[in-house]
Amino acid sequence: MCTFENGNQTPCPTYSLYLLTLGCDKNRVDGEVMLGRLISTGVFSPVDDPAIANIIIVNTCGFIREATQESIDTILEMAEYRTNPKTPCRGLIITGCMSERYREETKAEIPEADAILGVKDADSIVKAVADVLGIEVEAGSGNPRVKSSPYVHNRHIAHIKISDGCDNACTYCTIPSIRGAYISRPIEEILEECRLLSHAREFVLVAQDTALYGFDLYGEPRLHKLMKLIAELPNRPRVRLMYAYPEHITPEIVKVIAETPNVCKYIDLPIQHSETEILRRMGRKSSRETLLTLINNLREEIPDIALRTTLMVGFPGETTGNFQGLYDFVKKVKFDRLGVFPYSQEEGTPAAALPKQVGQTTKFNRLEKLMELQQGIHHEKQTAKIGKTIDVIVDEIREDDFIGRTEHDAYEVDAVVCFTAPQDFQLNPGDIVKVTIYSADDYDLQGVLATS
């Protein structure tokens, strides 16, 4: 039943709901939680077209200036549906990192928004939507991720947020001010969510720093125990580790990755830079020497591991010599996967007030130089796979071929494998099959299903 503002009770109609999430995988999980809470009421029905939605929710990103601008542009685009009398939209709701960071500015600058929520308001989403519609709705029960999973594009991949917030206090980062201190979820709670999402064939562990998991809750890091427990679940899912700060990688984590067959031989290590002087100014605890030691150890203990990293160029005070050191580091280490972004001078962060800010032209020149180097490294590593038969998880079934990934590639982040199969061969998303690679382009692989 719905109770309306006039006090009348009537069977609740179904309202169409469009939710758009921007930003990182952590935000993706937040969006799925909100969607699940709304679906569980039995009152809201998801649609994939904002033009037919009664309610539009934009789950924003506000990590850096470019992400904030993308969020604003998206909100303004969605606001056109709210103000157009020919569309059924009755409410526009803004949530996520941008609205947490700039709540008052968002209220002032986007009057079309009917409600503005922050990153910690997922529990309030049902009430917020109901208030906009002028109804009272009872919150549903059960794990919201399970409720939303039928509406997720790839159900065979489940991103599992194992903690929220961050304690690392990097001088360039806004996350601690947006999401607060690092808070781990209890192991049993995470395992129960994984059990309920047992249709997934790959669990991707995400947090601001996954390697620090458990320290605040148990007095010691417990990521290695969590990874092993998830890998041992009855459906034996793949387990992938993202966003593990190198400062907190322990021998126990390395051992679990090395010895557990269904833990992907892959780590995302966001090192940001290689030069000790710059790392110190960034507030990072690594040095060039400790990074080289860790990388060498990982490759010795797990010979087939793929290492992904993220680098920042143009941090305040980064000299030509500092950048050359970073360039030489990348050339020496040969990361399997690598992303580069320019430093963004974010208000409220210590780095924003540092002297010797680097110009935009210099930043982008350095970015292009690094990416050109990495393109060659990546191509060399990809062409080395030609002629090999490797395991591939199926992500997408197309009319004439299939799209999948090796265990060395994260979904929507890294390279893919495009492969063909006999016309009558039945495959489903989440199947893990053997593919023989016959070519490599600048980024992706091409192959054919190995049927014998």
Protein backbone atom coordinates (compact mmCIF):
# COMPACT_ATOMS: atom_id res chain seq x y z
CA MET A 1 0.00 0.00 0.00
CA CYS A 2 1.07 3.61 -0.59
CA THR A 3 0.06 6.48 1.66
CA PHE A 4 -0.24 9.75 -0.24
CA GLU A 5 0.09 13.29 1.10
CA ASN A 6 -3.68 13.58 1.47
CA GLY A 7 -3.70 10.54 3.78
CA ASN A 8 -5.44 8.21 1.35
CA GLN A 9 -4.16 4.64 1.02
CA THR A 10 -4.26 2.80 -2.27
CA PRO A 11 -2.40 -0.03 -3.98
CA CYS A 12 0.92 1.43 -5.04
CA PRO A 13 1.45 2.01 -8.75
CA THR A 14 4.77 1.08 -10.26
CA TYR A 15 7.11 3.96 -11.00
CA SER A 16 9.78 3.66 -13.69
CA LEU A 17 13.29 4.38 -12.44
CA TYR A 18 16.48 5.27 -14.31
CA LEU A 19 19.75 5.21 -12.35
CA LEU A 20 23.02 6.31 -13.96
CA THR A 21 26.31 5.72 -12.14
CA LEU A 22 29.51 7.58 -13.01
CA GLY A 23 33.05 7.02 -11.80
CA CYS A 24 34.81 4.07 -10.22
CA ASP A 25 33.87 0.51 -9.31
CA LYS A 26 33.25 1.57 -5.70
CA ASN A 27 30.59 3.96 -6.98
CA ARG A 28 29.21 1.18 -9.16
CA VAL A 29 28.57 -0.89 -6.02
CA ASP A 30 26.90 2.07 -4.30
CA GLY A 31 24.62 2.45 -7.31
CA GLU A 32 23.67 -1.23 -7.27
CA VAL A 33 22.88 -1.01 -3.55
CA MET A 34 20.58 1.97 -4.09
CA LEU A 35 18.92 0.31 -7.07
CA GLY A 36 18.38 -2.86 -5.06
CA ARG A 37 16.81 -0.98 -2.16
CA LEU A 38 14.35 0.69 -4.51
CA ILE A 39 13.49 -2.50 -6.39
CA SER A 40 12.90 -4.42 -3.14
CA THR A 41 9.94 -2.16 -2.29
CA GLY A 42 8.00 -3.55 -5.23
CA VAL A 43 7.12 0.01 -6.21
CA PHE A 44 9.97 0.91 -8.58
CA SER A 45 10.79 -0.72 -11.89
CA PRO A 46 14.18 -0.05 -13.56
CA VAL A 47 14.30 1.15 -17.14
CA ASP A 48 17.29 1.77 -19.41
CA ASP A 49 15.98 4.92 -21.06
CA PRO A 50 15.70 8.19 -19.11
CA ALA A 51 13.09 9.44 -21.58
CA ILE A 52 10.52 7.01 -20.12
CA ALA A 53 11.51 7.27 -16.43
CA ASN A 54 9.35 8.75 -13.67
CA ILE A 55 12.44 9.10 -11.48
CA ILE A 56 16.00 9.79 -12.61
CA ILE A 57 18.95 9.29 -10.23
CA VAL A 58 22.47 10.41 -11.12
CA ASN A 59 25.12 8.79 -8.94
CA THR A 60 28.00 11.22 -9.41
CA CYS A 61 31.79 11.17 -9.21
CA GLY A 62 33.74 14.10 -7.81
CA PHE A 63 37.25 12.74 -7.32
CA ILE A 64 38.92 15.25 -9.64
CA ARG A 65 37.88 18.31 -11.61
CA GLU A 66 37.28 16.41 -14.86
CA ALA A 67 35.03 13.87 -13.10
CA THR A 68 33.09 16.68 -11.42
CA GLN A 69 32.54 18.39 -14.77
CA GLU A 70 31.35 15.13 -16.33
CA SER A 71 28.89 14.74 -13.46
CA ILE A 72 27.59 18.29 -13.91
CA ASP A 73 27.19 17.82 -17.67
CA THR A 74 25.31 14.56 -17.11
CA ILE A 75 23.01 16.10 -14.50
CA LEU A 76 22.17 18.98 -16.82
CA GLU A 77 21.41 16.51 -19.59
CA MET A 78 19.09 14.55 -17.27
CA ALA A 79 17.51 17.80 -16.02
CA GLU A 80 16.09 18.35 -19.50
CA TYR A 81 13.80 15.37 -18.93
CA ARG A 82 12.74 16.81 -15.57
CA THR A 83 11.78 20.20 -17.03
CA ASN A 84 10.20 18.91 -20.23
CA PRO A 85 6.41 18.57 -19.70
CA LYS A 86 6.26 16.00 -22.50
CA THR A 87 8.35 13.46 -20.54
CA PRO A 88 7.03 11.44 -17.55
CA CYS A 89 9.89 12.45 -15.23
CA ARG A 90 8.60 13.59 -11.84
CA GLY A 91 11.86 13.74 -9.96
CA LEU A 92 15.61 14.22 -10.43
CA ILE A 93 17.83 13.02 -7.58
CA ILE A 94 21.57 13.61 -7.32
CA THR A 95 23.77 11.45 -5.13
CA GLY A 96 27.39 10.30 -4.88
CA CYS A 97 30.80 11.86 -4.42
CA MET A 98 30.22 15.15 -6.23
CA SER A 99 27.07 15.97 -4.27
CA GLU A 100 28.83 14.98 -1.04
CA ARG A 101 31.76 17.23 -1.82
CA TYR A 102 29.76 20.16 -3.20
CA ARG A 103 26.36 19.74 -1.60
CA GLU A 104 25.57 23.43 -1.08
CA GLU A 105 26.96 24.44 -4.46
CA THR A 106 24.88 21.72 -6.12
CA LYS A 107 21.72 22.97 -4.44
CA ALA A 108 22.41 26.51 -5.60
CA GLU A 109 23.55 25.74 -9.13
CA ILE A 110 21.12 22.95 -10.09
CA PRO A 111 17.63 23.98 -8.98
CA GLU A 112 16.12 21.26 -11.18
CA ALA A 113 17.25 18.66 -8.62
CA ASP A 114 14.43 17.52 -6.34
CA ALA A 115 16.76 15.90 -3.79
CA ILE A 116 20.51 15.87 -3.15
CA LEU A 117 22.12 13.02 -1.21
CA GLY A 118 25.70 12.17 -0.28
CA VAL A 119 27.81 9.02 -0.33
CA LYS A 120 26.54 7.80 3.03
CA ASP A 121 22.86 8.19 2.19
CA ALA A 122 22.18 4.87 0.46
CA ASP A 123 19.89 3.87 3.33
CA SER A 124 17.84 7.03 2.68
CA ILE A 125 17.30 6.55 -1.03
CA VAL A 126 13.85 4.94 -0.71
CA LYS A 127 12.55 7.73 1.53
CA ALA A 128 14.11 10.40 -0.70
CA VAL A 129 12.40 9.05 -3.81
CA ALA A 130 9.11 8.54 -1.98
CA ASP A 131 9.22 12.11 -0.66
CA VAL A 132 9.75 13.46 -4.15
CA LEU A 133 6.73 11.50 -5.37
CA GLY A 134 4.66 12.45 -2.32
CA ILE A 135 4.08 8.88 -1.15
CA GLU A 136 5.12 6.66 1.74
CA VAL A 137 6.77 3.38 0.84
CA GLU A 138 7.91 0.57 3.08
CA ALA A 139 11.54 -0.37 2.66
CA GLY A 140 12.10 -3.87 1.30
CA SER A 141 14.15 -6.64 2.87
CA GLY A 142 17.07 -8.79 1.79
CA ASN A 143 20.45 -7.93 0.35
CA PRO A 144 19.96 -5.04 -2.11
CA ARG A 145 22.75 -6.28 -4.36
CA VAL A 146 20.77 -9.47 -4.98
CA LYS A 147 17.68 -7.45 -5.87
CA SER A 148 19.59 -5.32 -8.36
CA SER A 149 21.70 -8.08 -9.94
CA PRO A 150 19.15 -9.10 -12.63
CA TYR A 151 19.40 -5.54 -13.94
CA VAL A 152 23.20 -5.41 -14.00
CA HIS A 153 24.63 -5.62 -17.52
CA ASN A 154 27.08 -8.43 -16.73
CA ARG A 155 25.69 -10.62 -13.95
CA HIS A 156 28.68 -12.98 -14.11
CA ILE A 157 30.91 -10.22 -12.67
CA ALA A 158 30.28 -8.92 -9.15
CA HIS A 159 32.28 -6.05 -7.70
CA ILE A 160 32.53 -6.49 -3.94
CA LYS A 161 33.31 -3.39 -1.90
CA ILE A 162 35.20 -4.67 1.13
CA SER A 163 35.65 -1.31 2.85
CA ASP A 164 34.83 2.36 2.49
CA GLY A 165 36.81 5.52 3.17
CA CYS A 166 40.57 6.00 3.34
CA ASP A 167 43.24 6.74 5.95
CA ASN A 168 46.20 7.15 3.60
CA ALA A 169 46.11 10.97 3.55
CA CYS A 170 47.75 11.38 0.16
CA THR A 171 48.28 15.11 -0.36
CA TYR A 172 46.54 15.20 -3.76
CA CYS A 173 43.43 13.20 -2.86
CA THR A 174 39.91 14.30 -1.94
CA ILE A 175 38.57 10.87 -0.97
CA PRO A 176 39.15 11.09 2.82
CA SER A 177 37.22 14.36 2.94
CA ILE A 178 34.41 12.86 0.85
CA ARG A 179 34.12 9.34 2.24
CA GLY A 180 35.75 9.63 5.66
CA ALA A 181 37.98 7.21 7.53
CA TYR A 182 38.74 3.67 6.39
CA ILE A 183 36.04 1.25 7.60
CA SER A 184 36.26 -2.46 6.78
CA ARG A 185 33.18 -4.61 6.39
CA PRO A 186 33.11 -7.76 8.57
CA ILE A 187 34.33 -10.89 6.80
CA GLU A 188 31.08 -12.79 7.38
CA GLU A 189 29.03 -9.96 5.90
CA ILE A 190 31.17 -9.96 2.77
CA LEU A 191 31.03 -13.75 2.46
CA GLU A 192 27.27 -13.75 2.83
CA GLU A 193 26.98 -11.20 0.03
CA CYS A 194 29.20 -13.38 -2.16
CA ARG A 195 27.06 -16.43 -1.39
CA LEU A 196 23.93 -14.54 -2.37
CA LEU A 197 25.64 -13.46 -5.60
CA SER A 198 26.72 -17.02 -6.39
CA HIS A 199 25.64 -16.59 -10.03
CA ALA A 200 28.80 -14.49 -10.48
CA ARG A 201 31.84 -16.27 -11.87
CA GLU A 202 34.26 -13.46 -11.02
CA PHE A 203 34.37 -11.44 -7.80
CA VAL A 204 36.33 -8.20 -8.09
CA LEU A 205 37.46 -6.91 -4.69
CA VAL A 206 37.44 -3.11 -4.52
CA ALA A 207 38.13 -0.43 -1.92
CA GLN A 208 40.21 2.71 -1.73
CA ASP A 209 43.03 0.43 -0.53
CA THR A 210 42.14 -3.26 -0.56
CA ALA A 211 45.50 -4.30 0.92
CA LEU A 212 44.68 -2.52 4.18
CA TYR A 213 41.48 -4.51 4.65
CA GLY A 214 40.70 -5.63 8.20
CA PHE A 215 43.31 -3.65 10.11
CA ASP A 216 40.75 -1.27 11.62
CA LEU A 217 38.35 -4.10 12.47
CA TYR A 218 40.62 -6.93 13.59
CA GLY A 219 43.85 -5.17 14.53
CA GLU A 220 45.70 -6.83 11.65
CA PRO A 221 45.41 -6.97 7.86
CA ARG A 222 43.13 -9.82 6.77
CA LEU A 223 42.84 -9.44 3.03
CA HIS A 224 44.68 -12.71 2.50
CA LYS A 225 42.16 -14.58 4.66
CA LEU A 226 39.22 -12.92 2.93
CA MET A 227 40.56 -13.74 -0.55
CA LYS A 228 41.07 -17.39 0.36
CA LEU A 229 37.60 -17.73 1.90
CA ILE A 230 35.93 -16.24 -1.17
CA ALA A 231 37.97 -18.48 -3.46
CA GLU A 232 36.82 -21.52 -1.47
CA LEU A 233 33.09 -20.78 -1.89
CA PRO A 234 31.16 -23.67 -3.50
CA ASN A 235 30.94 -22.01 -6.92
CA ARG A 236 34.74 -21.56 -6.96
CA PRO A 237 34.66 -18.05 -8.45
CA ARG A 238 37.57 -16.17 -9.89
CA VAL A 239 38.83 -13.58 -7.40
CA ARG A 240 40.47 -10.39 -8.69
CA LEU A 241 42.34 -7.83 -6.58
CA MET A 242 42.07 -4.14 -7.42
CA TYR A 243 43.43 -0.95 -5.80
CA ALA A 244 46.01 -2.60 -3.52
CA TYR A 245 48.44 0.05 -2.33
CA PRO A 246 52.01 -1.27 -2.63
CA GLU A 247 52.87 -0.04 0.88
CA HIS A 248 50.44 -2.56 2.35
CA ILE A 249 51.04 -5.67 0.24
CA THR A 250 52.02 -8.43 2.70
CA PRO A 251 53.78 -11.77 2.12
CA GLU A 252 50.50 -13.46 3.07
CA ILE A 253 48.67 -11.70 0.21
CA VAL A 254 51.39 -12.77 -2.22
CA LYS A 255 51.19 -16.36 -0.97
CA VAL A 256 47.40 -16.58 -1.47
CA ILE A 257 47.65 -15.24 -5.02
CA ALA A 258 50.50 -17.59 -5.83
CA GLU A 259 48.96 -20.75 -4.37
CA THR A 260 45.21 -20.38 -5.03
CA PRO A 261 44.32 -21.46 -8.58
CA ASN A 262 41.14 -19.38 -8.90
CA VAL A 263 42.68 -16.17 -7.54
CA CYS A 264 43.67 -14.21 -10.63
CA LYS A 265 47.39 -13.77 -11.09
CA TYR A 266 46.83 -10.04 -11.26
CA ILE A 267 47.27 -7.07 -8.91
CA ASP A 268 46.33 -3.46 -9.48
CA LEU A 269 49.05 -1.43 -7.70
CA PRO A 270 48.34 2.32 -7.89
CA ILE A 271 51.89 3.52 -7.26
CA GLN A 272 51.30 7.07 -8.73
CA HIS A 273 55.02 7.74 -9.20
CA SER A 274 58.43 6.11 -8.95
CA GLU A 275 60.67 8.90 -7.69
CA THR A 276 61.19 9.01 -3.93
CA GLU A 277 61.18 12.82 -3.78
CA ILE A 278 57.80 13.04 -5.52
CA LEU A 279 56.33 10.16 -3.53
CA ARG A 280 57.31 11.94 -0.31
CA ARG A 281 55.57 15.13 -1.47
CA MET A 282 52.52 13.05 -2.38
CA GLY A 283 52.35 11.68 1.15
CA ARG A 284 53.07 8.14 -0.03
CA LYS A 285 55.15 5.77 2.08
CA SER A 286 56.91 4.06 -0.84
CA SER A 287 60.26 4.85 -2.43
CA ARG A 288 61.80 3.88 -5.75
CA GLU A 289 63.78 1.17 -4.00
CA THR A 290 60.85 -0.35 -2.09
CA LEU A 291 58.73 -0.38 -5.25
CA LEU A 292 61.42 -2.19 -7.23
CA THR A 293 61.87 -4.69 -4.40
CA LEU A 294 58.14 -5.39 -4.22
CA ILE A 295 57.74 -5.77 -7.99
CA ASN A 296 60.74 -8.08 -8.24
CA ASN A 297 59.39 -10.16 -5.36
CA LEU A 298 55.94 -10.42 -6.91
CA ARG A 299 57.38 -11.63 -10.20
CA GLU A 300 59.66 -14.11 -8.46
CA GLU A 301 56.89 -15.57 -6.30
CA ILE A 302 54.21 -15.45 -9.05
CA PRO A 303 56.02 -15.75 -12.38
CA ASP A 304 52.86 -15.38 -14.50
CA ILE A 305 51.45 -12.38 -12.61
CA ALA A 306 50.14 -9.34 -14.48
CA LEU A 307 50.89 -6.04 -12.76
CA ARG A 308 48.72 -3.03 -13.43
CA THR A 309 49.48 0.44 -12.13
CA THR A 310 48.29 4.03 -12.32
CA LEU A 311 50.70 6.93 -12.64
CA MET A 312 50.30 10.66 -12.11
CA VAL A 313 52.34 13.17 -14.10
CA GLY A 314 52.79 16.86 -13.41
CA PHE A 315 52.60 16.73 -9.63
CA PRO A 316 53.78 20.05 -8.11
CA GLY A 317 57.55 20.23 -8.20
CA GLU A 318 57.96 17.38 -10.72
CA THR A 319 61.11 18.38 -12.58
CA THR A 320 62.31 17.19 -15.97
CA GLY A 321 64.69 14.92 -14.07
CA ASN A 322 61.88 13.50 -11.93
CA PHE A 323 59.85 12.71 -15.03
CA GLN A 324 62.83 11.13 -16.75
CA GLY A 325 63.27 8.95 -13.68
CA LEU A 326 59.64 7.87 -13.94
CA TYR A 327 60.03 7.18 -17.67
CA ASP A 328 63.12 5.06 -17.06
CA PHE A 329 61.29 3.22 -14.25
CA VAL A 330 58.41 2.26 -16.56
CA LYS A 331 60.86 1.22 -19.26
CA LYS A 332 62.71 -0.98 -16.76
CA VAL A 333 59.72 -2.53 -14.97
CA LYS A 334 57.53 -3.10 -18.07
CA PHE A 335 54.14 -3.10 -16.38
CA ASP A 336 51.63 -5.39 -18.05
CA ARG A 337 48.87 -2.79 -17.79
CA LEU A 338 49.29 0.92 -17.11
CA GLY A 339 47.17 4.07 -16.98
CA VAL A 340 48.40 7.67 -16.72
CA PHE A 341 46.54 10.81 -15.73
CA PRO A 342 47.64 14.40 -15.18
CA TYR A 343 47.72 15.86 -11.69
CA SER A 344 44.58 17.82 -10.87
CA GLN A 345 44.86 20.76 -8.46
CA GLU A 346 41.93 19.96 -6.18
CA GLU A 347 40.77 22.59 -3.73
CA GLY A 348 41.08 21.64 -0.09
CA THR A 349 43.99 19.26 -0.64
CA PRO A 350 47.50 20.02 0.70
CA ALA A 351 49.03 19.58 -2.76
CA ALA A 352 46.86 22.38 -4.17
CA ALA A 353 48.85 24.88 -2.10
CA LEU A 354 52.29 23.51 -2.99
CA PRO A 355 54.65 25.74 -4.99
CA LYS A 356 55.93 24.93 -8.46
CA GLN A 357 52.63 23.87 -10.00
CA VAL A 358 53.27 22.29 -13.41
CA GLY A 359 51.64 23.74 -16.52
CA GLN A 360 48.92 21.88 -18.40
CA THR A 361 50.92 21.63 -21.63
CA THR A 362 53.83 20.03 -19.80
CA LYS A 363 51.51 17.59 -18.03
CA PHE A 364 49.93 16.36 -21.25
CA ASN A 365 53.23 16.15 -23.08
CA ARG A 366 54.55 13.92 -20.30
CA LEU A 367 51.37 11.85 -20.32
CA GLU A 368 51.64 11.26 -24.07
CA LYS A 369 55.30 10.31 -23.82
CA LEU A 370 54.59 7.73 -21.11
CA MET A 371 51.61 6.26 -22.94
CA GLU A 372 53.64 5.97 -26.15
CA LEU A 373 56.27 4.03 -24.21
CA GLN A 374 53.66 1.80 -22.60
CA GLN A 375 51.95 1.15 -25.93
CA GLY A 376 55.15 -0.44 -27.19
CA ILE A 377 55.58 -2.49 -24.00
CA HIS A 378 51.97 -3.65 -24.11
CA HIS A 379 52.17 -4.61 -27.78
CA GLU A 380 55.32 -6.63 -27.13
CA LYS A 381 53.65 -8.52 -24.29
CA GLN A 382 50.48 -9.14 -26.31
CA THR A 383 52.27 -10.43 -29.41
CA ALA A 384 54.18 -12.88 -27.18
CA LYS A 385 50.82 -14.64 -26.62
CA ILE A 386 50.30 -15.42 -30.31
CA GLY A 387 50.16 -19.19 -30.79
CA LYS A 388 49.32 -19.86 -27.14
CA THR A 389 46.09 -21.39 -25.88
CA ILE A 390 44.82 -19.53 -22.83
CA ASP A 391 41.79 -19.50 -20.54
CA VAL A 392 39.27 -16.77 -21.35
CA ILE A 393 36.11 -15.78 -19.47
CA VAL A 394 33.23 -14.93 -21.82
CA ASP A 395 31.86 -11.42 -21.25
CA GLU A 396 29.76 -10.73 -24.32
CA ILE A 397 28.08 -12.78 -27.02
CA ARG A 398 27.84 -11.01 -30.36
CA GLU A 399 26.28 -12.05 -33.64
CA ASP A 400 29.48 -13.38 -35.22
CA ASP A 401 31.95 -13.68 -32.36
CA PHE A 402 32.57 -13.41 -28.62
CA ILE A 403 34.32 -10.96 -26.33
CA GLY A 404 36.19 -12.21 -23.27
CA ARG A 405 39.19 -11.63 -21.03
CA THR A 406 42.18 -13.50 -19.70
CA GLU A 407 42.76 -13.63 -15.96
CA HIS A 408 45.31 -10.87 -16.58
CA ASP A 409 42.64 -8.35 -17.61
CA ALA A 410 40.05 -6.55 -15.49
CA TYR A 411 36.60 -5.88 -16.92
CA GLU A 412 36.19 -2.47 -18.63
CA VAL A 413 39.76 -1.58 -17.64
CA ASP A 414 42.18 -3.77 -19.59
CA ALA A 415 42.43 -5.59 -22.91
CA VAL A 416 39.91 -8.07 -24.31
CA VAL A 417 40.05 -11.22 -26.41
CA CYS A 418 37.85 -11.28 -29.50
CA PHE A 419 37.35 -14.88 -30.62
CA THR A 420 35.21 -17.03 -32.88
CA ALA A 421 33.67 -20.46 -32.34
CA PRO A 422 31.84 -23.03 -34.45
CA GLN A 423 28.38 -21.77 -35.39
CA ASP A 424 26.53 -24.37 -33.31
CA PHE A 425 28.75 -23.99 -30.25
CA GLN A 426 26.78 -22.71 -27.26
CA LEU A 427 28.49 -20.30 -24.86
CA ASN A 428 27.14 -18.14 -22.05
CA PRO A 429 28.56 -15.09 -20.26
CA GLY A 430 30.73 -16.34 -17.42
CA ASP A 431 31.86 -19.51 -19.18
CA ILE A 432 35.61 -20.03 -19.03
CA VAL A 433 36.95 -21.55 -22.23
CA LYS A 434 40.27 -22.15 -23.93
CA VAL A 435 41.11 -19.86 -26.82
CA THR A 436 44.05 -20.11 -29.21
CA ILE A 437 45.46 -16.67 -29.99
CA TYR A 438 46.39 -16.00 -33.62
CA SER A 439 46.93 -12.21 -33.67
CA ALA A 440 47.26 -9.05 -31.60
CA ASP A 441 46.43 -5.49 -32.57
CA ASP A 442 47.62 -2.39 -30.74
CA TYR A 443 45.72 -3.41 -27.61
CA ASP A 444 43.50 -6.50 -27.85
CA LEU A 445 43.91 -10.14 -28.84
CA GLN A 446 42.15 -12.20 -31.52
CA GLY A 447 41.67 -15.93 -31.32
CA VAL A 448 39.60 -19.00 -32.03
CA LEU A 449 37.93 -21.35 -29.57
CA ALA A 450 40.06 -24.43 -28.94
CA THR A 451 37.51 -27.24 -29.31
CA SER A 452 39.81 -30.23 -28.98
